[in-house]
């Protein structure tokens, strides 16, 4: 899993807010993988946050977002 450093938080303006920056592909993939672990944010909010990040145009992140949305859609319909 990707680590979020104090430098990342300061660089992206998430310092002290309890939110998380998504500055690298590894952080984006980790956020997607762990989207159901948050007590504060819904899985859909996490996916939207990653989709709006600067790394969302990466093909690996795009594919992971599409897979995650499909899995969540199927999970919701059951």
N, C-alpha and C. Protein backbone atom coordinates (compact mmCIF):
# COMPACT_ATOMS: atom_id res chain seq x y z
N UNK A 1 0.83 -1.18 0.00
CA UNK A 1 0.00 0.00 0.00
C UNK A 1 0.88 1.24 0.00
N UNK A 2 0.34 2.29 -0.54
CA UNK A 2 1.08 3.55 -0.64
C UNK A 2 1.05 4.29 0.69
N UNK A 3 2.13 4.96 0.95
CA UNK A 3 2.20 5.78 2.16
C UNK A 3 1.88 7.22 1.82
N UNK A 4 1.18 7.89 2.71
CA UNK A 4 0.91 9.31 2.57
C UNK A 4 1.78 10.02 3.59
N UNK A 5 2.69 10.82 3.11
CA UNK A 5 3.63 11.50 3.99
C UNK A 5 3.12 12.89 4.35
N UNK A 6 3.76 13.48 5.34
CA UNK A 6 3.42 14.85 5.73
C UNK A 6 3.69 15.80 4.57
N UNK A 7 4.72 15.50 3.79
CA UNK A 7 5.05 16.32 2.63
C UNK A 7 3.90 16.29 1.61
N UNK A 8 3.32 15.10 1.38
CA UNK A 8 2.17 14.97 0.47
C UNK A 8 0.98 15.78 0.97
N UNK A 9 0.71 15.70 2.27
CA UNK A 9 -0.42 16.43 2.83
C UNK A 9 -0.22 17.93 2.71
N UNK A 10 1.01 18.39 2.98
CA UNK A 10 1.30 19.82 2.89
C UNK A 10 1.20 20.30 1.45
N UNK A 11 1.73 19.50 0.52
CA UNK A 11 1.75 19.86 -0.89
C UNK A 11 0.34 19.99 -1.46
N UNK A 12 -0.57 19.12 -1.03
CA UNK A 12 -1.92 19.10 -1.59
C UNK A 12 -2.95 19.85 -0.76
N UNK A 13 -2.54 20.38 0.39
CA UNK A 13 -3.46 21.18 1.20
C UNK A 13 -4.38 20.36 2.09
N UNK A 14 -4.05 19.11 2.35
CA UNK A 14 -4.89 18.26 3.20
C UNK A 14 -4.35 18.16 4.62
N UNK A 15 -3.53 19.11 5.00
CA UNK A 15 -2.88 19.06 6.30
C UNK A 15 -3.88 19.32 7.43
N UNK A 16 -4.02 18.37 8.33
CA UNK A 16 -4.86 18.55 9.50
C UNK A 16 -6.35 18.44 9.27
N UNK A 17 -6.78 18.08 8.06
CA UNK A 17 -8.21 18.01 7.80
C UNK A 17 -8.78 16.62 8.00
N UNK A 18 -7.92 15.63 8.12
CA UNK A 18 -8.39 14.25 8.23
C UNK A 18 -8.63 13.63 6.88
N UNK A 19 -8.53 14.41 5.82
CA UNK A 19 -8.71 13.90 4.47
C UNK A 19 -7.38 13.35 3.96
N UNK A 20 -7.39 12.81 2.80
CA UNK A 20 -6.21 12.14 2.28
C UNK A 20 -5.88 12.67 0.88
N UNK A 21 -4.61 12.93 0.61
CA UNK A 21 -4.22 13.35 -0.73
C UNK A 21 -4.04 12.15 -1.64
N UNK A 22 -4.25 12.34 -2.91
CA UNK A 22 -4.00 11.29 -3.90
C UNK A 22 -3.03 11.90 -4.91
N UNK A 23 -1.74 11.76 -4.62
CA UNK A 23 -0.72 12.42 -5.42
C UNK A 23 -0.01 11.47 -6.38
N UNK A 24 -0.09 10.17 -6.11
CA UNK A 24 0.61 9.21 -6.96
C UNK A 24 -0.35 8.11 -7.40
N UNK A 25 0.07 7.36 -8.39
CA UNK A 25 -0.74 6.23 -8.87
C UNK A 25 -0.91 5.20 -7.76
N UNK A 26 0.15 4.95 -7.01
CA UNK A 26 0.06 3.97 -5.92
C UNK A 26 -0.96 4.40 -4.87
N UNK A 27 -0.99 5.69 -4.54
CA UNK A 27 -1.96 6.18 -3.56
C UNK A 27 -3.39 6.08 -4.11
N UNK A 28 -3.55 6.33 -5.39
CA UNK A 28 -4.87 6.22 -6.00
C UNK A 28 -5.37 4.77 -5.98
N UNK A 29 -4.50 3.85 -6.34
CA UNK A 29 -4.88 2.43 -6.34
C UNK A 29 -5.18 1.94 -4.93
N UNK A 30 -4.42 2.42 -3.95
CA UNK A 30 -4.69 2.05 -2.55
C UNK A 30 -6.03 2.60 -2.09
N UNK A 31 -6.32 3.84 -2.45
CA UNK A 31 -7.61 4.44 -2.06
C UNK A 31 -8.77 3.66 -2.67
N UNK A 32 -8.62 3.25 -3.92
CA UNK A 32 -9.68 2.48 -4.58
C UNK A 32 -9.85 1.13 -3.88
N UNK A 33 -8.75 0.48 -3.58
CA UNK A 33 -8.80 -0.83 -2.95
C UNK A 33 -9.41 -0.76 -1.54
N UNK A 34 -9.16 0.33 -0.83
CA UNK A 34 -9.61 0.45 0.56
C UNK A 34 -10.86 1.33 0.71
N UNK A 35 -11.60 1.53 -0.36
CA UNK A 35 -12.73 2.47 -0.36
C UNK A 35 -13.82 2.12 0.64
N UNK A 36 -13.98 0.88 1.00
CA UNK A 36 -15.03 0.49 1.95
C UNK A 36 -14.57 0.51 3.40
N UNK A 37 -13.35 0.92 3.66
CA UNK A 37 -12.80 0.90 5.01
C UNK A 37 -13.04 2.20 5.77
N UNK A 38 -13.53 3.22 5.14
CA UNK A 38 -13.69 4.52 5.78
C UNK A 38 -14.99 4.60 6.56
N UNK A 39 -14.91 5.22 7.74
CA UNK A 39 -16.12 5.49 8.51
C UNK A 39 -16.65 6.88 8.18
N UNK A 40 -15.79 7.71 7.61
CA UNK A 40 -16.14 9.09 7.34
C UNK A 40 -16.69 9.31 5.93
N UNK A 41 -16.15 8.57 4.95
CA UNK A 41 -16.53 8.76 3.54
C UNK A 41 -17.14 7.48 2.98
N UNK A 42 -18.12 7.64 2.12
CA UNK A 42 -18.71 6.47 1.46
C UNK A 42 -17.77 6.00 0.35
N UNK A 43 -17.98 4.81 -0.14
CA UNK A 43 -17.15 4.27 -1.22
C UNK A 43 -17.27 5.14 -2.46
N UNK A 44 -18.47 5.62 -2.74
CA UNK A 44 -18.68 6.48 -3.91
C UNK A 44 -17.92 7.80 -3.77
N UNK A 45 -17.86 8.35 -2.56
CA UNK A 45 -17.11 9.58 -2.34
C UNK A 45 -15.62 9.37 -2.56
N UNK A 46 -15.11 8.24 -2.13
CA UNK A 46 -13.69 7.92 -2.33
C UNK A 46 -13.41 7.80 -3.82
N UNK A 47 -14.27 7.11 -4.56
CA UNK A 47 -14.06 6.96 -6.00
C UNK A 47 -14.13 8.31 -6.71
N UNK A 48 -15.04 9.18 -6.30
CA UNK A 48 -15.12 10.52 -6.90
C UNK A 48 -13.86 11.32 -6.60
N UNK A 49 -13.35 11.20 -5.38
CA UNK A 49 -12.14 11.91 -4.99
C UNK A 49 -10.95 11.47 -5.86
N UNK A 50 -10.82 10.18 -6.06
CA UNK A 50 -9.74 9.65 -6.90
C UNK A 50 -9.94 10.08 -8.35
N UNK A 51 -11.17 10.05 -8.83
CA UNK A 51 -11.46 10.42 -10.21
C UNK A 51 -11.13 11.88 -10.50
N UNK A 52 -11.23 12.73 -9.49
CA UNK A 52 -10.91 14.15 -9.68
C UNK A 52 -9.43 14.46 -9.46
N UNK A 53 -8.67 13.49 -9.01
CA UNK A 53 -7.25 13.74 -8.72
C UNK A 53 -6.46 13.88 -10.02
N UNK A 54 -5.24 14.33 -9.88
CA UNK A 54 -4.39 14.54 -11.04
C UNK A 54 -3.93 13.26 -11.71
N UNK A 55 -3.96 12.15 -11.00
CA UNK A 55 -3.49 10.89 -11.56
C UNK A 55 -4.61 10.07 -12.17
N UNK A 56 -5.81 10.62 -12.23
CA UNK A 56 -6.97 9.87 -12.73
C UNK A 56 -6.86 9.54 -14.21
N UNK A 57 -6.00 10.25 -14.94
CA UNK A 57 -5.86 9.99 -16.37
C UNK A 57 -4.95 8.81 -16.66
N UNK A 58 -4.27 8.32 -15.65
CA UNK A 58 -3.40 7.16 -15.82
C UNK A 58 -4.26 5.95 -16.20
N UNK A 59 -3.84 5.18 -17.20
CA UNK A 59 -4.66 4.03 -17.65
C UNK A 59 -4.94 3.00 -16.55
N UNK A 60 -3.95 2.77 -15.67
CA UNK A 60 -4.17 1.81 -14.58
C UNK A 60 -5.24 2.31 -13.62
N UNK A 61 -5.21 3.60 -13.34
CA UNK A 61 -6.20 4.17 -12.42
C UNK A 61 -7.58 4.18 -13.07
N UNK A 62 -7.64 4.55 -14.34
CA UNK A 62 -8.93 4.53 -15.06
C UNK A 62 -9.55 3.15 -15.04
N UNK A 63 -8.74 2.12 -15.32
CA UNK A 63 -9.24 0.75 -15.33
C UNK A 63 -9.70 0.33 -13.94
N UNK A 64 -8.93 0.69 -12.91
CA UNK A 64 -9.30 0.33 -11.54
C UNK A 64 -10.58 1.02 -11.12
N UNK A 65 -10.75 2.28 -11.51
CA UNK A 65 -12.00 2.99 -11.19
C UNK A 65 -13.20 2.33 -11.86
N UNK A 66 -13.05 1.96 -13.12
CA UNK A 66 -14.15 1.31 -13.84
C UNK A 66 -14.51 -0.02 -13.19
N UNK A 67 -13.49 -0.82 -12.84
CA UNK A 67 -13.75 -2.11 -12.18
C UNK A 67 -14.43 -1.91 -10.84
N UNK A 68 -13.95 -0.93 -10.06
CA UNK A 68 -14.52 -0.68 -8.73
C UNK A 68 -15.97 -0.24 -8.83
N UNK A 69 -16.26 0.62 -9.77
CA UNK A 69 -17.66 1.07 -9.94
C UNK A 69 -18.56 -0.07 -10.35
N UNK A 70 -18.06 -0.96 -11.22
CA UNK A 70 -18.85 -2.12 -11.66
C UNK A 70 -19.11 -3.06 -10.49
N UNK A 71 -18.07 -3.31 -9.69
CA UNK A 71 -18.23 -4.19 -8.52
C UNK A 71 -19.23 -3.59 -7.54
N UNK A 72 -19.12 -2.28 -7.28
CA UNK A 72 -20.06 -1.64 -6.36
C UNK A 72 -21.48 -1.65 -6.90
N UNK A 73 -21.64 -1.49 -8.21
CA UNK A 73 -22.96 -1.53 -8.83
C UNK A 73 -23.58 -2.91 -8.66
N UNK A 74 -22.78 -3.96 -8.89
CA UNK A 74 -23.29 -5.32 -8.72
C UNK A 74 -23.61 -5.62 -7.27
N UNK A 75 -22.76 -5.14 -6.37
CA UNK A 75 -22.96 -5.37 -4.94
C UNK A 75 -24.25 -4.68 -4.47
N UNK A 76 -24.52 -3.51 -5.02
CA UNK A 76 -25.70 -2.75 -4.63
C UNK A 76 -27.00 -3.42 -5.12
N UNK A 77 -26.94 -4.05 -6.30
CA UNK A 77 -28.14 -4.65 -6.88
C UNK A 77 -28.49 -6.00 -6.25
N UNK A 78 -27.63 -6.56 -5.47
CA UNK A 78 -27.91 -7.89 -4.89
C UNK A 78 -28.78 -7.79 -3.68
